[in-house]
N, C-alpha and C. Protein backbone atom coordinates (compact mmCIF):
# COMPACT_ATOMS: atom_id res chain seq x y z
N MET A 1 -21.54 45.23 -64.89
CA MET A 1 -22.78 44.49 -64.29
C MET A 1 -23.21 43.23 -64.50
N ASP A 2 -22.80 43.15 -65.35
CA ASP A 2 -23.08 40.97 -65.54
C ASP A 2 -22.37 40.70 -63.73
N ASN A 3 -20.96 40.88 -63.87
CA ASN A 3 -20.81 40.51 -62.85
C ASN A 3 -21.27 40.31 -61.68
N THR A 4 -21.80 41.40 -61.46
CA THR A 4 -22.69 41.56 -59.50
C THR A 4 -24.33 40.68 -60.27
N MET A 5 -24.53 40.73 -61.33
CA MET A 5 -25.72 39.98 -61.51
C MET A 5 -25.57 38.50 -61.02
N ASP A 6 -24.54 37.97 -61.87
CA ASP A 6 -23.99 36.57 -61.83
C ASP A 6 -23.98 36.46 -60.25
N ASP A 7 -23.21 37.27 -59.51
CA ASP A 7 -23.10 37.03 -58.07
C ASP A 7 -24.42 37.03 -56.87
N LYS A 8 -25.04 37.28 -57.52
CA LYS A 8 -26.12 37.69 -57.02
C LYS A 8 -27.09 36.50 -57.33
N SER A 9 -27.46 35.79 -58.56
CA SER A 9 -27.73 34.65 -58.66
C SER A 9 -26.83 33.68 -58.49
N GLN A 10 -25.84 33.95 -58.12
CA GLN A 10 -25.02 32.57 -57.40
C GLN A 10 -25.48 32.18 -55.65
N THR A 11 -25.55 33.85 -55.19
CA THR A 11 -25.64 33.84 -53.73
C THR A 11 -27.34 33.52 -53.69
N GLN A 12 -28.19 33.66 -54.57
CA GLN A 12 -29.63 33.45 -54.39
C GLN A 12 -29.63 31.97 -54.42
N GLY A 13 -28.97 30.98 -55.77
CA GLY A 13 -29.36 29.73 -55.79
C GLY A 13 -29.14 29.29 -54.83
N THR A 14 -27.91 29.02 -53.99
CA THR A 14 -27.38 27.90 -53.12
C THR A 14 -27.73 28.62 -51.98
N PRO A 15 -28.05 27.47 -51.03
CA PRO A 15 -28.89 28.27 -49.80
C PRO A 15 -27.64 27.80 -48.99
N ALA A 16 -27.30 29.31 -47.81
CA ALA A 16 -26.74 29.31 -46.66
C ALA A 16 -26.68 27.93 -45.65
N PRO A 17 -25.81 27.77 -45.92
CA PRO A 17 -25.17 26.70 -44.30
C PRO A 17 -26.18 26.79 -43.65
N ALA A 18 -26.33 26.07 -42.65
CA ALA A 18 -27.11 26.67 -41.57
C ALA A 18 -26.54 26.43 -40.82
N THR A 19 -26.72 27.05 -39.48
CA THR A 19 -26.54 27.24 -38.22
C THR A 19 -27.23 26.94 -37.04
N PRO A 20 -26.41 26.06 -35.81
CA PRO A 20 -27.41 25.77 -35.25
C PRO A 20 -27.49 26.26 -34.48
N ASP A 21 -29.13 26.69 -33.67
CA ASP A 21 -29.37 27.65 -32.36
C ASP A 21 -28.63 27.00 -31.44
N THR A 22 -27.77 27.38 -30.79
CA THR A 22 -27.09 27.23 -29.18
C THR A 22 -27.60 28.06 -28.67
N SER A 23 -28.88 29.33 -28.16
CA SER A 23 -29.11 30.24 -27.76
C SER A 23 -29.67 29.20 -25.96
N ASP A 24 -30.04 28.01 -26.17
CA ASP A 24 -30.54 27.12 -25.18
C ASP A 24 -29.76 25.75 -24.69
N ARG A 25 -28.51 25.93 -25.43
CA ARG A 25 -28.18 25.10 -24.75
C ARG A 25 -26.69 25.53 -24.48
N ARG A 26 -25.83 24.17 -23.37
CA ARG A 26 -24.90 25.05 -22.63
C ARG A 26 -23.86 25.13 -23.33
N PRO A 27 -22.96 25.88 -22.75
CA PRO A 27 -21.61 25.95 -23.64
C PRO A 27 -20.80 25.11 -23.34
N ARG A 28 -20.23 24.91 -24.80
CA ARG A 28 -19.39 23.68 -25.02
C ARG A 28 -17.74 23.66 -24.24
N ARG A 29 -16.73 23.52 -23.75
CA ARG A 29 -16.01 23.53 -23.07
C ARG A 29 -14.56 22.80 -24.16
N ASP A 30 -13.89 23.43 -24.65
CA ASP A 30 -12.65 23.19 -25.41
C ASP A 30 -11.93 22.11 -24.84
N THR A 31 -11.97 20.70 -24.76
CA THR A 31 -11.70 19.38 -23.79
C THR A 31 -10.28 19.38 -24.44
N ARG A 32 -9.76 20.19 -25.34
CA ARG A 32 -7.76 20.06 -25.48
C ARG A 32 -7.41 21.06 -24.49
N SER A 33 -7.95 22.22 -24.27
CA SER A 33 -6.57 22.84 -23.23
C SER A 33 -7.57 22.70 -22.10
N ALA A 34 -8.52 21.52 -21.47
CA ALA A 34 -8.80 21.43 -20.16
C ALA A 34 -7.81 21.38 -19.27
N ARG A 35 -8.39 21.54 -17.83
CA ARG A 35 -7.55 21.28 -16.74
C ARG A 35 -7.49 19.58 -15.91
N PRO A 36 -6.94 18.91 -16.12
CA PRO A 36 -7.04 17.50 -14.98
C PRO A 36 -7.78 17.64 -13.86
N PRO A 37 -8.94 17.22 -13.59
CA PRO A 37 -9.44 17.63 -12.24
C PRO A 37 -8.59 17.86 -11.07
N ARG A 38 -9.16 18.59 -10.19
CA ARG A 38 -8.23 18.83 -9.14
C ARG A 38 -7.86 17.26 -8.26
N ARG A 39 -7.39 17.22 -7.39
CA ARG A 39 -7.06 16.41 -6.78
C ARG A 39 -7.95 16.17 -5.35
N GLN A 40 -8.52 15.55 -4.61
CA GLN A 40 -9.11 16.20 -3.39
C GLN A 40 -7.81 16.32 -2.26
N ARG A 41 -8.43 16.80 -1.57
CA ARG A 41 -7.27 17.32 -0.60
C ARG A 41 -7.16 16.42 0.68
N ASP A 42 -6.07 15.93 0.97
CA ASP A 42 -6.04 14.85 2.12
C ASP A 42 -6.28 15.21 3.17
N ASP A 43 -7.11 15.25 4.15
CA ASP A 43 -6.90 16.36 5.26
C ASP A 43 -6.07 15.28 6.25
N ARG A 44 -5.72 14.65 6.27
CA ARG A 44 -4.67 13.50 7.34
C ARG A 44 -3.81 13.86 6.68
N ALA A 45 -2.62 14.22 7.87
CA ALA A 45 -1.22 14.61 7.63
C ALA A 45 -0.50 12.87 6.88
N ARG A 46 0.64 13.09 6.38
CA ARG A 46 0.99 11.96 5.14
C ARG A 46 1.14 11.53 6.83
N SER A 47 1.95 9.84 6.17
CA SER A 47 2.08 9.44 7.58
C SER A 47 3.38 9.13 7.37
N GLU A 48 4.60 9.31 8.28
CA GLU A 48 6.21 9.03 7.79
C GLU A 48 6.13 7.72 7.81
N PHE A 49 5.30 6.11 8.09
CA PHE A 49 5.58 4.75 7.69
C PHE A 49 4.96 4.70 6.00
N SER A 50 5.73 3.28 5.90
CA SER A 50 5.37 2.59 4.90
C SER A 50 4.67 1.68 5.26
N GLN A 51 3.07 1.21 4.44
CA GLN A 51 2.77 0.02 4.50
C GLN A 51 2.56 -0.71 4.39
N LYS A 52 2.41 -2.07 4.40
CA LYS A 52 2.12 -3.17 3.45
C LYS A 52 0.91 -4.21 4.29
N MET A 53 0.08 -4.50 3.49
CA MET A 53 -0.49 -5.48 3.91
C MET A 53 -0.07 -7.17 3.41
N ILE A 54 -0.15 -7.85 4.26
CA ILE A 54 0.06 -9.30 4.18
C ILE A 54 -0.81 -10.36 4.23
N GLY A 55 -1.86 -9.70 4.80
CA GLY A 55 -2.56 -10.56 5.10
C GLY A 55 -4.32 -10.09 5.39
N ILE A 56 -5.35 -10.95 4.79
CA ILE A 56 -6.44 -10.57 4.71
C ILE A 56 -7.27 -11.54 4.81
N ARG A 57 -8.20 -11.80 5.73
CA ARG A 57 -9.22 -13.26 5.40
C ARG A 57 -10.53 -12.59 5.80
N ARG A 58 -11.82 -13.05 5.16
CA ARG A 58 -12.46 -13.11 5.54
C ARG A 58 -13.14 -14.43 6.43
N VAL A 59 -14.11 -14.10 7.65
CA VAL A 59 -13.71 -14.90 8.85
C VAL A 59 -15.40 -14.98 9.32
N ALA A 60 -16.06 -16.43 8.95
CA ALA A 60 -17.44 -16.35 9.55
C ALA A 60 -18.26 -17.25 10.46
N ARG A 61 -18.52 -16.55 11.77
CA ARG A 61 -19.18 -17.42 12.22
C ARG A 61 -20.35 -17.85 12.64
N VAL A 62 -21.38 -18.60 13.09
CA VAL A 62 -22.21 -19.28 12.92
C VAL A 62 -23.00 -18.90 14.50
N MET A 63 -24.18 -18.19 13.54
CA MET A 63 -25.28 -17.69 14.47
C MET A 63 -26.49 -18.44 14.56
N ALA A 64 -27.44 -17.65 15.39
CA ALA A 64 -28.87 -18.28 15.21
C ALA A 64 -29.30 -17.69 13.72
N GLY A 65 -29.32 -16.98 13.54
CA GLY A 65 -30.03 -16.02 12.78
C GLY A 65 -29.06 -16.38 10.99
N GLY A 66 -27.79 -16.94 11.24
CA GLY A 66 -27.09 -17.58 9.67
C GLY A 66 -25.67 -17.41 9.93
N ARG A 67 -24.71 -16.68 9.09
CA ARG A 67 -23.04 -16.43 9.22
C ARG A 67 -23.46 -14.69 9.69
N ARG A 68 -22.21 -14.78 10.01
CA ARG A 68 -22.05 -13.31 10.70
C ARG A 68 -20.54 -13.30 10.13
N PHE A 69 -19.97 -12.10 9.03
CA PHE A 69 -18.95 -12.06 8.63
C PHE A 69 -18.21 -10.79 9.03
N ASN A 70 -16.76 -11.29 9.97
CA ASN A 70 -16.60 -10.64 9.60
C ASN A 70 -14.16 -10.20 8.81
N PHE A 71 -14.02 -9.34 8.96
CA PHE A 71 -12.30 -9.46 7.99
C PHE A 71 -11.30 -9.31 9.74
N SER A 72 -10.65 -10.00 9.04
CA SER A 72 -8.92 -9.87 9.58
C SER A 72 -7.96 -8.96 8.95
N VAL A 73 -7.11 -8.60 9.07
CA VAL A 73 -6.12 -8.05 8.47
C VAL A 73 -5.04 -7.76 9.25
N CYS A 74 -3.28 -8.36 8.36
CA CYS A 74 -2.48 -8.30 8.72
C CYS A 74 -2.07 -7.13 8.42
N MET A 75 -1.21 -6.15 9.00
CA MET A 75 -0.63 -5.09 8.01
C MET A 75 1.07 -4.78 8.97
N VAL A 76 2.04 -4.63 8.12
CA VAL A 76 3.38 -4.47 8.64
C VAL A 76 3.93 -2.69 7.85
N LEU A 77 4.24 -2.26 9.11
CA LEU A 77 4.67 -0.42 8.91
C LEU A 77 5.80 -0.79 9.43
N GLY A 78 6.31 0.12 8.76
CA GLY A 78 8.17 0.58 8.68
C GLY A 78 8.42 2.34 8.01
N ASP A 79 9.19 2.68 8.39
CA ASP A 79 10.09 3.74 7.77
C ASP A 79 11.40 3.88 7.49
N LYS A 80 11.44 2.73 7.06
CA LYS A 80 12.56 2.52 6.42
C LYS A 80 14.45 2.71 6.70
N LYS A 81 14.56 3.28 8.47
CA LYS A 81 15.09 4.00 8.78
C LYS A 81 15.57 3.41 10.59
N GLY A 82 15.37 1.89 10.42
CA GLY A 82 15.11 0.92 11.46
C GLY A 82 14.15 0.63 12.52
N ARG A 83 13.00 1.61 12.01
CA ARG A 83 11.57 1.13 13.14
C ARG A 83 10.59 0.28 12.21
N VAL A 84 10.37 -0.52 12.47
CA VAL A 84 9.31 -1.63 12.44
C VAL A 84 8.47 -2.43 13.03
N GLY A 85 7.21 -2.37 12.77
CA GLY A 85 6.02 -2.96 13.69
C GLY A 85 4.89 -3.96 12.74
N VAL A 86 4.00 -4.99 13.44
CA VAL A 86 3.08 -5.96 12.46
C VAL A 86 2.02 -5.85 13.72
N GLY A 87 0.85 -5.22 12.75
CA GLY A 87 -0.15 -4.91 13.46
C GLY A 87 -1.22 -6.01 12.86
N LEU A 88 -2.40 -6.76 13.50
CA LEU A 88 -3.07 -7.49 13.29
C LEU A 88 -4.43 -6.58 14.29
N GLY A 89 -6.06 -6.69 12.87
CA GLY A 89 -6.82 -5.59 13.07
C GLY A 89 -7.98 -6.32 12.61
N LYS A 90 -9.45 -6.48 13.48
CA LYS A 90 -10.32 -7.37 13.35
C LYS A 90 -11.74 -6.57 13.02
N ALA A 91 -13.09 -6.44 12.54
CA ALA A 91 -13.36 -5.68 11.93
C ALA A 91 -14.77 -6.39 10.93
N THR A 92 -15.61 -5.66 11.45
CA THR A 92 -16.93 -5.97 10.20
C THR A 92 -17.03 -5.39 8.84
N ASP A 93 -16.00 -4.76 9.06
CA ASP A 93 -15.34 -3.69 7.56
C ASP A 93 -14.07 -3.88 7.28
N THR A 94 -13.89 -3.72 6.46
CA THR A 94 -12.28 -4.03 5.67
C THR A 94 -11.58 -2.51 5.70
N ALA A 95 -12.11 -1.61 6.00
CA ALA A 95 -10.89 -0.38 6.02
C ALA A 95 -11.25 0.17 7.67
N LEU A 96 -12.43 -0.54 8.41
CA LEU A 96 -11.84 -0.14 10.13
C LEU A 96 -10.58 -1.34 10.79
N ALA A 97 -11.08 -2.82 9.77
CA ALA A 97 -10.06 -4.01 9.88
C ALA A 97 -8.60 -3.19 10.11
N ILE A 98 -8.05 -2.71 8.46
CA ILE A 98 -7.22 -1.65 8.20
C ILE A 98 -6.63 -0.72 9.25
N GLU A 99 -7.40 -0.05 9.36
CA GLU A 99 -7.26 0.94 10.97
C GLU A 99 -6.77 0.45 11.44
N LYS A 100 -7.63 -0.77 12.67
CA LYS A 100 -7.43 -1.19 13.37
C LYS A 100 -5.85 -1.94 14.05
N ALA A 101 -5.49 -2.24 12.31
CA ALA A 101 -3.93 -2.90 12.01
C ALA A 101 -3.40 -1.99 11.87
N THR A 102 -3.27 -0.63 11.70
CA THR A 102 -2.86 0.39 11.44
C THR A 102 -2.17 0.73 12.69
N ARG A 103 -3.21 0.83 13.82
CA ARG A 103 -2.90 1.56 15.24
C ARG A 103 -2.51 0.37 15.74
N ALA A 104 -2.49 -0.78 15.39
CA ALA A 104 -1.61 -1.84 16.59
C ALA A 104 -0.15 -1.97 15.92
N ALA A 105 0.13 -2.04 14.37
CA ALA A 105 1.32 -2.18 14.30
C ALA A 105 2.23 -0.97 14.58
N LYS A 106 1.44 -0.03 15.27
CA LYS A 106 2.39 1.35 15.28
C LYS A 106 2.51 1.01 17.13
N LYS A 107 1.08 0.52 17.56
CA LYS A 107 2.04 0.85 19.24
C LYS A 107 2.94 -0.64 19.13
N ASN A 108 2.53 -1.63 18.09
CA ASN A 108 4.15 -2.33 18.56
C ASN A 108 5.24 -2.54 18.16
N MET A 109 5.26 -1.41 17.59
CA MET A 109 6.42 -0.68 16.85
C MET A 109 8.31 -1.23 17.78
N ILE A 110 9.31 -1.76 17.09
CA ILE A 110 10.47 -2.15 17.68
C ILE A 110 11.23 -1.20 16.87
N THR A 111 12.56 -0.98 17.68
CA THR A 111 13.62 -0.21 16.42
C THR A 111 14.50 -1.32 16.58
N VAL A 112 15.26 -0.95 15.43
CA VAL A 112 16.57 -2.07 15.43
C VAL A 112 17.59 -1.45 15.23
N LYS A 113 18.52 -2.02 15.80
CA LYS A 113 20.10 -1.44 15.96
C LYS A 113 20.43 -1.82 15.08
N LEU A 114 20.91 -1.14 13.90
CA LEU A 114 21.63 -1.50 12.43
C LEU A 114 22.95 -1.15 12.03
N THR A 115 23.45 -1.61 11.30
CA THR A 115 25.68 -1.72 11.46
C THR A 115 25.59 -0.05 10.14
N LYS A 116 26.32 0.17 9.98
CA LYS A 116 26.82 1.40 8.98
C LYS A 116 26.31 0.75 7.44
N ASN A 117 26.53 -0.01 7.35
CA ASN A 117 25.10 -0.79 5.32
C ASN A 117 24.19 -0.82 5.69
N ARG A 118 23.40 -0.52 6.72
CA ARG A 118 22.27 -1.19 6.90
C ARG A 118 22.22 -3.09 6.84
N SER A 119 23.10 -3.59 8.04
CA SER A 119 22.59 -4.88 7.58
C SER A 119 22.47 -4.93 8.95
N ILE A 120 23.07 -6.27 9.99
CA ILE A 120 22.80 -6.86 11.56
C ILE A 120 23.80 -7.11 11.47
N PRO A 121 23.72 -6.75 13.17
CA PRO A 121 25.80 -7.01 13.21
C PRO A 121 25.73 -8.93 13.44
N HIS A 122 24.89 -9.88 13.98
CA HIS A 122 25.08 -10.51 14.25
C HIS A 122 24.13 -11.83 13.35
N ASN A 123 24.17 -12.95 13.14
CA ASN A 123 23.21 -14.28 13.64
C ASN A 123 22.35 -14.20 13.98
N VAL A 124 20.50 -14.13 14.02
CA VAL A 124 19.83 -13.93 14.63
C VAL A 124 18.81 -15.21 14.48
N THR A 125 18.31 -16.14 15.01
CA THR A 125 17.16 -16.96 15.28
C THR A 125 16.05 -16.98 16.29
N SER A 126 14.88 -17.06 15.54
CA SER A 126 13.84 -16.97 16.62
C SER A 126 12.64 -17.75 15.83
N LYS A 127 11.75 -18.09 16.59
CA LYS A 127 10.79 -19.10 17.14
C LYS A 127 8.99 -18.19 17.52
N PHE A 128 8.17 -18.22 16.50
CA PHE A 128 6.62 -17.98 17.19
C PHE A 128 6.21 -19.03 16.59
N CYS A 129 5.07 -18.83 17.46
CA CYS A 129 4.17 -20.74 17.27
C CYS A 129 5.39 -22.09 16.47
N ALA A 130 4.47 -21.89 15.27
CA ALA A 130 5.33 -23.12 14.81
C ALA A 130 5.89 -22.60 13.68
N SER A 131 6.28 -21.28 13.34
CA SER A 131 7.47 -20.63 12.26
C SER A 131 8.79 -20.32 12.95
N GLU A 132 10.07 -20.56 12.26
CA GLU A 132 10.99 -20.39 12.77
C GLU A 132 12.30 -20.40 11.47
N ILE A 133 12.65 -18.89 12.17
CA ILE A 133 13.25 -18.34 10.77
C ILE A 133 14.82 -18.23 11.12
N GLU A 134 15.56 -17.85 10.62
CA GLU A 134 16.86 -17.63 10.67
C GLU A 134 17.52 -16.56 9.51
N ILE A 135 17.88 -15.22 10.38
CA ILE A 135 18.63 -14.12 9.53
C ILE A 135 19.80 -13.64 9.72
N ARG A 136 20.72 -13.86 8.61
CA ARG A 136 22.50 -14.03 9.03
C ARG A 136 22.42 -12.77 7.99
N PRO A 137 23.87 -11.96 8.62
CA PRO A 137 24.13 -10.91 7.67
C PRO A 137 24.80 -11.59 6.45
N ALA A 138 24.71 -10.39 5.72
CA ALA A 138 25.48 -11.30 3.95
C ALA A 138 25.89 -9.90 3.55
N ARG A 139 26.70 -10.03 3.18
CA ARG A 139 27.68 -8.25 3.00
C ARG A 139 27.35 -8.15 1.73
N GLY A 140 27.18 -6.87 1.13
CA GLY A 140 26.90 -7.05 -0.38
C GLY A 140 26.30 -7.89 -1.14
N ARG A 141 24.98 -8.53 -1.06
CA ARG A 141 24.05 -9.83 -1.67
C ARG A 141 22.86 -9.12 -1.67
N GLY A 142 22.39 -7.67 -1.26
CA GLY A 142 21.12 -7.14 -0.56
C GLY A 142 20.53 -8.07 0.08
N LEU A 143 18.78 -8.13 -0.12
CA LEU A 143 17.96 -8.15 0.40
C LEU A 143 17.39 -9.53 0.09
N VAL A 144 17.87 -10.82 0.71
CA VAL A 144 17.61 -12.42 -0.26
C VAL A 144 16.64 -12.95 1.29
N ALA A 145 15.09 -12.68 0.81
CA ALA A 145 14.18 -13.10 1.77
C ALA A 145 12.92 -13.54 1.51
N GLY A 146 12.15 -14.31 1.65
CA GLY A 146 10.89 -15.13 1.04
C GLY A 146 9.68 -14.63 2.28
N SER A 147 8.59 -14.40 1.69
CA SER A 147 6.99 -14.71 2.59
C SER A 147 6.92 -13.22 3.22
N SER A 148 6.62 -13.13 4.17
CA SER A 148 6.41 -11.72 5.07
C SER A 148 7.64 -11.68 5.97
N VAL A 149 8.64 -12.22 5.64
CA VAL A 149 9.79 -12.02 6.45
C VAL A 149 10.59 -10.70 5.41
N ARG A 150 10.45 -10.76 3.49
CA ARG A 150 10.99 -9.99 3.55
C ARG A 150 10.26 -8.77 3.93
N THR A 151 9.01 -8.85 3.50
CA THR A 151 8.45 -7.29 4.09
C THR A 151 8.48 -6.62 5.30
N VAL A 152 8.41 -7.47 6.36
CA VAL A 152 9.15 -7.11 7.84
C VAL A 152 10.94 -6.49 7.72
N LEU A 153 11.25 -7.10 7.12
CA LEU A 153 13.01 -6.82 6.72
C LEU A 153 13.25 -5.17 6.04
N ASP A 154 12.61 -5.66 4.16
CA ASP A 154 12.37 -4.09 4.07
C ASP A 154 11.75 -2.70 4.28
N LEU A 155 10.47 -3.26 4.89
CA LEU A 155 10.05 -1.83 6.32
C LEU A 155 10.89 -1.82 6.98
N GLY A 156 11.40 -2.28 7.46
CA GLY A 156 12.64 -1.51 8.55
C GLY A 156 13.82 -1.16 8.21
N GLY A 157 13.91 -1.60 6.80
CA GLY A 157 14.95 -0.66 6.06
C GLY A 157 16.46 -1.99 6.62
N VAL A 158 16.11 -3.20 6.21
CA VAL A 158 17.51 -3.36 6.98
C VAL A 158 17.86 -4.04 4.85
N THR A 159 18.63 -4.35 5.27
CA THR A 159 19.11 -5.04 3.20
C THR A 159 20.91 -5.60 3.48
N ASP A 160 21.48 -6.02 3.20
CA ASP A 160 23.04 -6.88 2.92
C ASP A 160 22.25 -7.85 3.96
N VAL A 161 21.65 -8.77 4.28
CA VAL A 161 20.97 -9.74 4.89
C VAL A 161 20.26 -10.88 3.76
N THR A 162 20.45 -12.42 4.69
CA THR A 162 19.39 -13.45 3.63
C THR A 162 18.77 -14.23 4.92
N ALA A 163 17.58 -13.90 4.62
CA ALA A 163 16.80 -15.09 5.63
C ALA A 163 16.25 -16.02 5.05
N LYS A 164 16.17 -16.97 6.12
CA LYS A 164 15.53 -18.52 5.56
C LYS A 164 14.93 -18.82 6.65
N ILE A 165 13.23 -19.41 6.40
CA ILE A 165 12.41 -19.83 7.17
C ILE A 165 12.61 -21.47 7.49
N LEU A 166 13.02 -21.63 8.37
CA LEU A 166 13.69 -23.15 8.62
C LEU A 166 12.33 -23.85 8.95
N SER A 167 11.50 -23.33 10.00
CA SER A 167 10.28 -24.88 9.10
C SER A 167 9.08 -24.55 8.10
N ARG A 168 8.49 -25.40 8.12
CA ARG A 168 7.34 -25.52 6.94
C ARG A 168 6.18 -24.85 6.99
N SER A 169 5.88 -23.97 8.56
CA SER A 169 5.21 -23.30 7.92
C SER A 169 4.64 -22.00 6.92
N HIS A 170 3.43 -21.31 6.24
CA HIS A 170 3.38 -20.89 5.31
C HIS A 170 2.51 -20.03 5.62
N ASN A 171 2.44 -19.59 7.00
CA ASN A 171 1.43 -19.05 7.90
C ASN A 171 1.85 -17.21 7.83
N THR A 172 1.79 -16.81 6.78
CA THR A 172 2.32 -15.47 6.85
C THR A 172 2.45 -14.29 8.06
N ILE A 173 1.48 -14.31 8.91
CA ILE A 173 1.28 -13.80 9.83
C ILE A 173 2.07 -14.21 10.58
N ASN A 174 2.63 -15.28 11.04
CA ASN A 174 3.40 -15.87 11.87
C ASN A 174 5.21 -15.41 11.87
N ASN A 175 4.81 -16.14 10.50
CA ASN A 175 6.50 -15.54 9.49
C ASN A 175 6.95 -14.13 9.87
N ALA A 176 5.75 -13.15 10.19
CA ALA A 176 6.31 -11.93 10.27
C ALA A 176 6.75 -11.86 11.63
N ARG A 177 5.47 -12.21 12.57
CA ARG A 177 5.78 -12.35 13.82
C ARG A 177 7.65 -12.80 14.37
N ALA A 178 7.76 -13.43 13.93
CA ALA A 178 8.40 -14.25 13.77
C ALA A 178 10.26 -13.92 13.55
N ALA A 179 10.04 -13.17 12.59
CA ALA A 179 10.68 -12.12 11.83
C ALA A 179 10.78 -10.78 13.14
N ILE A 180 9.50 -10.40 13.72
CA ILE A 180 9.72 -8.97 13.95
C ILE A 180 10.26 -9.85 15.84
N GLU A 181 10.02 -11.44 15.94
CA GLU A 181 10.45 -11.55 17.74
C GLU A 181 12.72 -11.69 16.95
N ALA A 182 12.79 -11.79 16.32
CA ALA A 182 14.45 -12.28 15.95
C ALA A 182 15.09 -10.40 15.99
N LEU A 183 14.26 -9.51 15.28
CA LEU A 183 14.88 -8.09 15.24
C LEU A 183 14.68 -7.67 16.37
N LYS A 184 13.56 -8.11 17.81
CA LYS A 184 13.68 -7.69 18.81
C LYS A 184 15.20 -8.00 19.57
N GLN A 185 15.77 -9.34 19.27
CA GLN A 185 16.97 -9.29 19.91
C GLN A 185 17.96 -8.23 19.30
N LEU A 186 18.03 -8.09 18.41
CA LEU A 186 19.02 -6.84 17.90
C LEU A 186 19.15 -5.77 18.76
N SER A 187 17.12 -5.28 18.65
CA SER A 187 16.93 -3.85 19.06
C SER A 187 17.61 -3.85 20.85
N GLY A 188 17.12 -4.15 21.60
CA GLY A 188 17.60 -4.35 22.86
C GLY A 188 16.36 -3.45 23.68
N THR A 189 15.69 -2.57 22.92
CA THR A 189 14.91 -1.84 23.25
C THR A 189 14.00 -1.92 22.45
N THR A 190 12.17 -1.89 22.89
CA THR A 190 11.05 -1.90 21.94
C THR A 190 10.57 -0.82 22.74
N LYS A 191 9.70 -0.20 21.52
CA LYS A 191 8.52 0.96 21.98
C LYS A 191 7.52 0.25 20.67
């Protein structure tokens, strides 16, 4: 009997721990086992082309009420299997300019005739505006090029070449277009 009395006195003497009232709260989610949020499904079909933006500029023109700003975007598209194109798009919004540039690049796509080791058959030189470039086959060296010429050759799937910009032009758009003109000499057919 003494033991039961001692138990009762101990429980009556110490207050029971308070439990919070959770009736009006939202149920808590267990963060440890929670799934990562679902990605939104992209309705557009995945493009077969890789793309890279080589130039984006904000262009202003002065109007009566002040300045009007537009965006000019240059994109290079390629499937890394011999097809490559350069496009320019201009719009008041960057997303619209990118879309226009992508459409222009697809429209101006060329097919390059490559050798077995994905190089080019012979030296080519081309000039576009002030940009002048030369592309030479170089077996076992990989892709050695600079500026936007490297981007055009990489997305076109060309390897084992050495490209040299012969002019002092730093205009990336003209350099890319000069690379396209050089590759056109190899392709023979344009699409």
